[in-house]
Amino acid sequence: MAGYEDWSEGMRDLWDNNPGTEYIDGWEEAWAQDVFDRAFGHTAEEYDALGLTPDDVWAAREEFFDYMGMADDQFDWEAWRIEMGYE
């Protein structure tokens, strides 16, 4: 999976604008970024190619939200849809 330095500017903005991301660093940040990438960094076709099911993706999203202590409605879904090319 790609890391922060490999993400587009839009994906980095999505990461940076989540509550709590500014408070983690080191291995914790690397792990959370990996979960974020798995949860939000790919289109449906890319997930299929990676062998990840919709349940796998939702599990990663729940893991990210739980870890960051945020509700899913705190995530900027509109910006994410635009970044992924869905809008």
C-alpha atoms as a PDB file:
ATOM      1  CA  MET A   1       0.000   0.000   0.000  1.00  0.00           C
ATOM      2  CA  ALA A   2       1.088   3.567  -0.624  1.00  0.00           C
ATOM      3  CA  GLY A   3       2.256   5.889   2.125  1.00  0.00           C
ATOM      4  CA  TYR A   4       1.622   9.571   2.734  1.00  0.00           C
ATOM      5  CA  GLU A   5       4.469  10.660   0.447  1.00  0.00           C
ATOM      6  CA  ASP A   6       2.956   8.619  -2.403  1.00  0.00           C
ATOM      7  CA  TRP A   7      -0.569   9.995  -2.047  1.00  0.00           C
ATOM      8  CA  SER A   8      -2.025  12.727  -4.210  1.00  0.00           C
ATOM      9  CA  GLU A   9      -2.345  16.172  -2.694  1.00  0.00           C
ATOM     10  CA  GLY A  10      -6.078  15.557  -2.280  1.00  0.00           C
ATOM     11  CA  MET A  11      -5.513  12.335  -0.309  1.00  0.00           C
ATOM     12  CA  ARG A  12      -2.926  14.073   1.896  1.00  0.00           C
ATOM     13  CA  ASP A  13      -5.494  16.825   2.557  1.00  0.00           C
ATOM     14  CA  LEU A  14      -8.092  14.207   3.492  1.00  0.00           C
ATOM     15  CA  TRP A  15      -5.616  12.649   5.932  1.00  0.00           C
ATOM     16  CA  ASP A  16      -4.504  15.988   7.372  1.00  0.00           C
ATOM     17  CA  ASN A  17      -8.089  17.164   7.918  1.00  0.00           C
ATOM     18  CA  ASN A  18      -9.100  14.215  10.090  1.00  0.00           C
ATOM     19  CA  PRO A  19      -9.314  14.967  13.811  1.00  0.00           C
ATOM     20  CA  GLY A  20      -6.346  13.596  15.712  1.00  0.00           C
ATOM     21  CA  THR A  21      -3.909  12.993  12.858  1.00  0.00           C
ATOM     22  CA  GLU A  22      -1.730  15.848  14.078  1.00  0.00           C
ATOM     23  CA  TYR A  23      -1.221  14.075  17.420  1.00  0.00           C
ATOM     24  CA  ILE A  24       0.255  10.803  16.202  1.00  0.00           C
ATOM     25  CA  ASP A  25       3.736  10.113  14.889  1.00  0.00           C
ATOM     26  CA  GLY A  26       6.310   7.386  14.367  1.00  0.00           C
ATOM     27  CA  TRP A  27       5.097   3.802  14.037  1.00  0.00           C
ATOM     28  CA  GLU A  28       1.631   4.864  15.175  1.00  0.00           C
ATOM     29  CA  GLU A  29       1.326   7.336  12.316  1.00  0.00           C
ATOM     30  CA  ALA A  30       2.726   4.860   9.769  1.00  0.00           C
ATOM     31  CA  TRP A  31       0.238   2.216  10.908  1.00  0.00           C
ATOM     32  CA  ALA A  32      -2.725   4.625  10.842  1.00  0.00           C
ATOM     33  CA  GLN A  33      -1.707   5.840   7.374  1.00  0.00           C
ATOM     34  CA  ASP A  34      -1.590   2.240   6.152  1.00  0.00           C
ATOM     35  CA  VAL A  35      -5.111   1.652   7.489  1.00  0.00           C
ATOM     36  CA  PHE A  36      -6.268   4.944   5.943  1.00  0.00           C
ATOM     37  CA  ASP A  37      -4.799   3.961   2.570  1.00  0.00           C
ATOM     38  CA  ARG A  38      -6.453   0.540   2.725  1.00  0.00           C
ATOM     39  CA  ALA A  39      -9.750   2.120   3.772  1.00  0.00           C
ATOM     40  CA  PHE A  40      -9.923   5.115   1.448  1.00  0.00           C
ATOM     41  CA  GLY A  41      -7.095   5.060  -1.075  1.00  0.00           C
ATOM     42  CA  HIS A  42      -8.507   2.964  -3.896  1.00  0.00           C
ATOM     43  CA  THR A  43     -11.387   2.734  -6.325  1.00  0.00           C
ATOM     44  CA  ALA A  44     -13.724  -0.248  -6.352  1.00  0.00           C
ATOM     45  CA  GLU A  45     -11.842  -1.689  -9.323  1.00  0.00           C
ATOM     46  CA  GLU A  46      -8.508  -1.325  -7.529  1.00  0.00           C
ATOM     47  CA  TYR A  47      -9.897  -3.041  -4.441  1.00  0.00           C
ATOM     48  CA  ASP A  48     -11.047  -5.932  -6.628  1.00  0.00           C
ATOM     49  CA  ALA A  49      -7.563  -6.186  -8.150  1.00  0.00           C
ATOM     50  CA  LEU A  50      -6.053  -6.183  -4.644  1.00  0.00           C
ATOM     51  CA  GLY A  51      -8.408  -8.986  -3.618  1.00  0.00           C
ATOM     52  CA  LEU A  52     -10.187  -6.845  -1.021  1.00  0.00           C
ATOM     53  CA  THR A  53     -13.914  -7.290  -0.619  1.00  0.00           C
ATOM     54  CA  PRO A  54     -16.351  -4.524   0.328  1.00  0.00           C
ATOM     55  CA  ASP A  55     -16.423  -6.073   3.823  1.00  0.00           C
ATOM     56  CA  ASP A  56     -12.616  -5.800   4.025  1.00  0.00           C
ATOM     57  CA  VAL A  57     -12.805  -2.134   3.049  1.00  0.00           C
ATOM     58  CA  TRP A  58     -15.552  -1.346   5.572  1.00  0.00           C
ATOM     59  CA  ALA A  59     -13.601  -3.186   8.271  1.00  0.00           C
ATOM     60  CA  ALA A  60     -10.553  -1.009   7.508  1.00  0.00           C
ATOM     61  CA  ARG A  61     -12.716   2.112   7.624  1.00  0.00           C
ATOM     62  CA  GLU A  62     -14.184   1.107  10.984  1.00  0.00           C
ATOM     63  CA  GLU A  63     -10.684   0.333  12.261  1.00  0.00           C
ATOM     64  CA  PHE A  64      -9.508   3.800  11.202  1.00  0.00           C
ATOM     65  CA  PHE A  65     -12.515   5.584  12.702  1.00  0.00           C
ATOM     66  CA  ASP A  66     -12.225   3.622  15.960  1.00  0.00           C
ATOM     67  CA  TYR A  67      -8.504   4.262  16.251  1.00  0.00           C
ATOM     68  CA  MET A  68      -8.871   7.978  15.555  1.00  0.00           C
ATOM     69  CA  GLY A  69     -11.845   8.219  17.913  1.00  0.00           C
ATOM     70  CA  MET A  70     -14.118   9.678  15.274  1.00  0.00           C
ATOM     71  CA  ALA A  71     -17.559   8.903  13.914  1.00  0.00           C
ATOM     72  CA  ASP A  72     -17.906   8.124  10.224  1.00  0.00           C
ATOM     73  CA  ASP A  73     -19.934  11.299   9.729  1.00  0.00           C
ATOM     74  CA  GLN A  74     -16.859  13.335  10.744  1.00  0.00           C
ATOM     75  CA  PHE A  75     -15.066  12.131   7.619  1.00  0.00           C
ATOM     76  CA  ASP A  76     -15.279  14.399   4.566  1.00  0.00           C
ATOM     77  CA  TRP A  77     -17.056  11.924   2.299  1.00  0.00           C
ATOM     78  CA  GLU A  78     -17.791  14.581  -0.313  1.00  0.00           C
ATOM     79  CA  ALA A  79     -14.112  15.513  -0.704  1.00  0.00           C
ATOM     80  CA  TRP A  80     -13.244  11.801  -0.793  1.00  0.00           C
ATOM     81  CA  ARG A  81     -15.785  11.106  -3.569  1.00  0.00           C
ATOM     82  CA  ILE A  82     -14.374  13.998  -5.599  1.00  0.00           C
ATOM     83  CA  GLU A  83     -10.783  12.825  -5.020  1.00  0.00           C
ATOM     84  CA  MET A  84     -11.691   9.301  -6.112  1.00  0.00           C
ATOM     85  CA  GLY A  85     -13.396  10.594  -9.260  1.00  0.00           C
ATOM     86  CA  TYR A  86     -16.889   9.518  -8.247  1.00  0.00           C
ATOM     87  CA  GLU A  87     -18.260  13.067  -8.621  1.00  0.00           C
END
